Amino acid sequence: MEFFNNLDNLITGILNSLGAFAPLLACLLITVESILPVLPLGLFITVNCYYLGILGFIISYVLTCVGCFISYRLCRGKLKKHFDGMMDKKEHKLLKKMMKLFNDINLSELALLIAIPFTPAFLVNIAAGLSNMSTKKFVFGLIIGKFFMAYFWAYIGTSLIESFKNPYILIKIAVILMVVFIISKLVNKRFRLE
């Protein structure tokens, strides 16, 4: 845990010393964070919104979607064939059950999973890339869920522990997740993704 605190402090110090160039570095790091999960995404989105306002929010949202899609495509293109061959073996029963759950996930559940601010994006990207989920469903889930996740980090931004201590933040998260659910149901009905 101390390693992550030190990394967070180091990155914060670097971004503070860069001044107006901090958003450029934050943009690059947002994309990389979707592939390498040790970076603090919330910090980068906050920096972009602090320096660039609504434009920073839009850039952060787009780049986190791009990073997640790159991660998804890498898994789908480079690892899925090997993974499917490995899944044919009998000793991977638990993994098969977990992948079946992910294969059967509907758009609303996927969007909610992505929208939860503390969900590790790289795990969702990898699971989606290795599953039989359609690219179209993943992209729609990403577009809906990441918007609200970016909104959380840009305008609410708090740690998981602080969220549990403050019921007002928990109410905001619940409202965000309700909106995600409703939008995903409407999109699913419109585009028939299930």
Protein backbone atom coordinates (compact mmCIF):
# COMPACT_ATOMS: atom_id res chain seq x y z
CA MET A 1 0.00 0.00 0.00
CA GLU A 2 2.89 2.33 0.77
CA PHE A 3 4.20 1.76 -2.77
CA PHE A 4 0.94 3.06 -4.27
CA ASN A 5 0.91 6.08 -1.94
CA ASN A 6 4.50 6.89 -2.93
CA LEU A 7 3.64 6.45 -6.61
CA ASP A 8 0.60 8.71 -6.21
CA ASN A 9 2.73 11.37 -4.44
CA LEU A 10 5.44 11.13 -7.11
CA ILE A 11 2.96 11.53 -9.97
CA THR A 12 1.18 14.39 -8.17
CA GLY A 13 4.51 16.17 -7.67
CA ILE A 14 5.47 15.74 -11.33
CA LEU A 15 2.09 16.97 -12.57
CA ASN A 16 2.22 19.99 -10.22
CA SER A 17 5.71 20.92 -11.46
CA LEU A 18 4.63 20.76 -15.12
CA GLY A 19 2.02 23.51 -14.80
CA ALA A 20 0.17 23.96 -18.11
CA PHE A 21 1.81 20.84 -19.58
CA ALA A 22 0.31 18.64 -16.87
CA PRO A 23 -2.89 17.93 -18.88
CA LEU A 24 -0.83 16.64 -21.82
CA LEU A 25 0.96 14.15 -19.60
CA ALA A 26 -2.31 13.30 -17.85
CA CYS A 27 -3.92 12.57 -21.24
CA LEU A 28 -1.16 10.15 -22.16
CA LEU A 29 -1.30 8.50 -18.73
CA ILE A 30 -5.11 8.11 -18.89
CA THR A 31 -4.74 5.99 -22.02
CA VAL A 32 -1.87 3.97 -20.55
CA GLU A 33 -3.76 3.43 -17.25
CA SER A 34 -6.40 1.34 -19.00
CA ILE A 35 -3.66 -1.13 -19.92
CA LEU A 36 -1.34 -0.77 -16.88
CA PRO A 37 -3.54 -0.51 -13.80
CA VAL A 38 -0.96 0.80 -11.30
CA LEU A 39 -1.58 4.41 -12.32
CA PRO A 40 -4.17 6.58 -10.45
CA LEU A 41 -6.84 7.33 -13.09
CA GLY A 42 -8.84 9.57 -10.74
CA LEU A 43 -5.84 11.87 -10.33
CA PHE A 44 -5.34 12.27 -14.08
CA ILE A 45 -9.00 13.04 -14.73
CA THR A 46 -8.99 15.55 -11.87
CA VAL A 47 -5.87 17.27 -13.29
CA ASN A 48 -7.45 17.54 -16.75
CA CYS A 49 -10.68 18.96 -15.35
CA TYR A 50 -8.81 21.37 -13.08
CA TYR A 51 -6.71 22.79 -15.91
CA LEU A 52 -9.10 22.46 -18.86
CA GLY A 53 -12.58 22.46 -17.31
CA ILE A 54 -15.29 20.75 -19.37
CA LEU A 55 -12.80 20.17 -22.21
CA GLY A 56 -10.62 18.26 -19.74
CA PHE A 57 -13.59 16.12 -18.81
CA ILE A 58 -14.37 15.36 -22.47
CA ILE A 59 -10.71 14.56 -23.24
CA SER A 60 -10.45 12.32 -20.17
CA TYR A 61 -13.66 10.49 -21.07
CA VAL A 62 -12.62 9.90 -24.68
CA LEU A 63 -9.09 8.80 -23.79
CA THR A 64 -10.17 6.38 -21.09
CA CYS A 65 -12.58 4.81 -23.61
CA VAL A 66 -9.77 4.63 -26.19
CA GLY A 67 -7.38 3.04 -23.66
CA CYS A 68 -9.96 0.45 -22.61
CA PHE A 69 -10.74 -0.39 -26.22
CA ILE A 70 -7.04 -0.83 -27.03
CA SER A 71 -6.70 -3.16 -24.04
CA TYR A 72 -9.80 -5.10 -25.14
CA ARG A 73 -8.52 -5.43 -28.73
CA LEU A 74 -5.08 -6.60 -27.57
CA CYS A 75 -6.70 -9.37 -25.52
CA ARG A 76 -9.15 -10.27 -28.27
CA GLY A 77 -6.53 -10.28 -31.00
CA LYS A 78 -3.44 -11.64 -29.25
CA LEU A 79 -4.63 -13.78 -26.32
CA LYS A 80 -8.14 -15.11 -27.04
CA LYS A 81 -7.10 -18.00 -29.29
CA HIS A 82 -4.54 -19.22 -26.75
CA PHE A 83 -7.03 -18.69 -23.90
CA ASP A 84 -9.77 -20.67 -25.70
CA GLY A 85 -7.32 -23.55 -26.22
CA MET A 86 -6.45 -23.48 -22.54
CA MET A 87 -10.16 -23.46 -21.57
CA ASP A 88 -10.69 -26.80 -23.32
CA LYS A 89 -8.79 -28.53 -20.51
CA LYS A 90 -10.88 -30.02 -17.70
CA GLU A 91 -8.89 -28.55 -14.80
CA HIS A 92 -10.17 -25.00 -15.47
CA LYS A 93 -13.73 -25.49 -14.22
CA LEU A 94 -13.81 -22.37 -12.02
CA LEU A 95 -12.40 -20.21 -14.80
CA LYS A 96 -14.99 -21.64 -17.20
CA LYS A 97 -17.79 -20.71 -14.78
CA MET A 98 -16.44 -17.18 -14.42
CA MET A 99 -16.13 -16.75 -18.20
CA LYS A 100 -19.68 -18.08 -18.67
CA LEU A 101 -20.91 -15.36 -16.30
CA PHE A 102 -19.07 -12.76 -18.34
CA ASN A 103 -20.28 -14.22 -21.65
CA ASP A 104 -23.88 -13.98 -20.40
CA ILE A 105 -23.60 -10.44 -19.01
CA ASN A 106 -26.16 -8.09 -20.49
CA LEU A 107 -25.51 -4.50 -21.55
CA SER A 108 -26.98 -2.97 -18.39
CA GLU A 109 -24.83 -5.12 -16.13
CA LEU A 110 -21.72 -4.38 -18.20
CA ALA A 111 -22.37 -0.62 -18.20
CA LEU A 112 -22.97 -0.68 -14.43
CA LEU A 113 -19.77 -2.64 -13.86
CA ILE A 114 -17.78 -0.16 -15.94
CA ALA A 115 -19.46 2.86 -14.31
CA ILE A 116 -18.57 1.85 -10.74
CA PRO A 117 -15.63 4.17 -10.01
CA PHE A 118 -13.61 1.57 -8.12
CA THR A 119 -13.93 -1.28 -10.64
CA PRO A 120 -10.50 -2.20 -12.04
CA ALA A 121 -10.95 -1.33 -15.74
CA PHE A 122 -8.12 -3.53 -16.91
CA LEU A 123 -9.84 -6.64 -15.51
CA VAL A 124 -13.08 -5.79 -17.31
CA ASN A 125 -11.15 -5.14 -20.54
CA ILE A 126 -9.28 -8.45 -20.28
CA ALA A 127 -12.41 -10.45 -19.39
CA ALA A 128 -14.36 -8.85 -22.25
CA GLY A 129 -11.51 -9.46 -24.69
CA LEU A 130 -11.22 -13.12 -23.71
CA SER A 131 -14.99 -13.72 -23.62
CA ASN A 132 -17.37 -14.25 -26.53
CA MET A 133 -18.96 -10.84 -25.94
CA SER A 134 -19.58 -8.89 -29.13
CA THR A 135 -17.40 -5.86 -29.77
CA LYS A 136 -20.55 -3.81 -30.30
CA LYS A 137 -21.85 -4.64 -26.81
CA PHE A 138 -18.47 -3.88 -25.23
CA VAL A 139 -18.23 -0.51 -27.01
CA PHE A 140 -21.74 0.54 -25.98
CA GLY A 141 -21.10 -0.57 -22.39
CA LEU A 142 -17.84 1.37 -22.44
CA ILE A 143 -19.38 4.55 -23.87
CA ILE A 144 -22.20 4.57 -21.32
CA GLY A 145 -20.28 3.40 -18.26
CA LYS A 146 -17.09 5.42 -18.73
CA PHE A 147 -19.00 8.69 -19.06
CA PHE A 148 -20.36 8.34 -15.55
CA MET A 149 -17.10 6.96 -14.17
CA ALA A 150 -15.25 10.00 -15.58
CA TYR A 151 -17.96 12.27 -14.15
CA PHE A 152 -17.42 10.72 -10.72
CA TRP A 153 -13.65 11.32 -10.77
CA ALA A 154 -13.98 14.80 -12.26
CA TYR A 155 -16.67 16.22 -10.01
CA ILE A 156 -17.09 13.95 -6.99
CA GLY A 157 -13.63 12.33 -6.83
CA THR A 158 -13.09 10.62 -3.52
CA SER A 159 -11.57 7.41 -2.28
CA LEU A 160 -13.56 4.27 -1.58
CA ILE A 161 -13.06 4.67 2.19
CA GLU A 162 -14.20 8.31 2.15
CA SER A 163 -17.26 7.30 0.12
CA PHE A 164 -18.35 4.84 2.79
CA LYS A 165 -17.94 7.50 5.48
CA ASN A 166 -20.05 10.08 3.65
CA PRO A 167 -23.65 9.03 2.86
CA TYR A 168 -24.06 12.01 0.50
CA ILE A 169 -21.36 10.59 -1.79
CA LEU A 170 -22.98 7.14 -1.65
CA ILE A 171 -26.29 8.72 -2.70
CA LYS A 172 -24.55 10.41 -5.66
CA ILE A 173 -22.99 7.10 -6.70
CA ALA A 174 -26.39 5.38 -6.44
CA VAL A 175 -28.02 8.08 -8.61
CA ILE A 176 -25.21 7.79 -11.19
CA LEU A 177 -25.65 4.01 -11.32
CA MET A 178 -29.43 4.36 -11.69
CA VAL A 179 -28.95 6.73 -14.64
CA VAL A 180 -26.45 4.30 -16.19
CA PHE A 181 -28.95 1.46 -15.83
CA ILE A 182 -31.78 3.44 -17.46
CA ILE A 183 -29.62 4.66 -20.35
CA SER A 184 -28.23 1.18 -20.99
CA LYS A 185 -31.77 -0.26 -21.10
CA LEU A 186 -32.80 2.40 -23.63
CA VAL A 187 -29.70 1.80 -25.78
CA ASN A 188 -30.23 -1.97 -25.60
CA LYS A 189 -33.83 -1.58 -26.71
CA ARG A 190 -32.83 0.74 -29.56
CA PHE A 191 -29.89 -1.32 -30.89
CA ARG A 192 -31.04 -4.83 -29.81
CA LEU A 193 -27.66 -5.83 -28.38
CA GLU A 194 -28.87 -8.86 -26.41
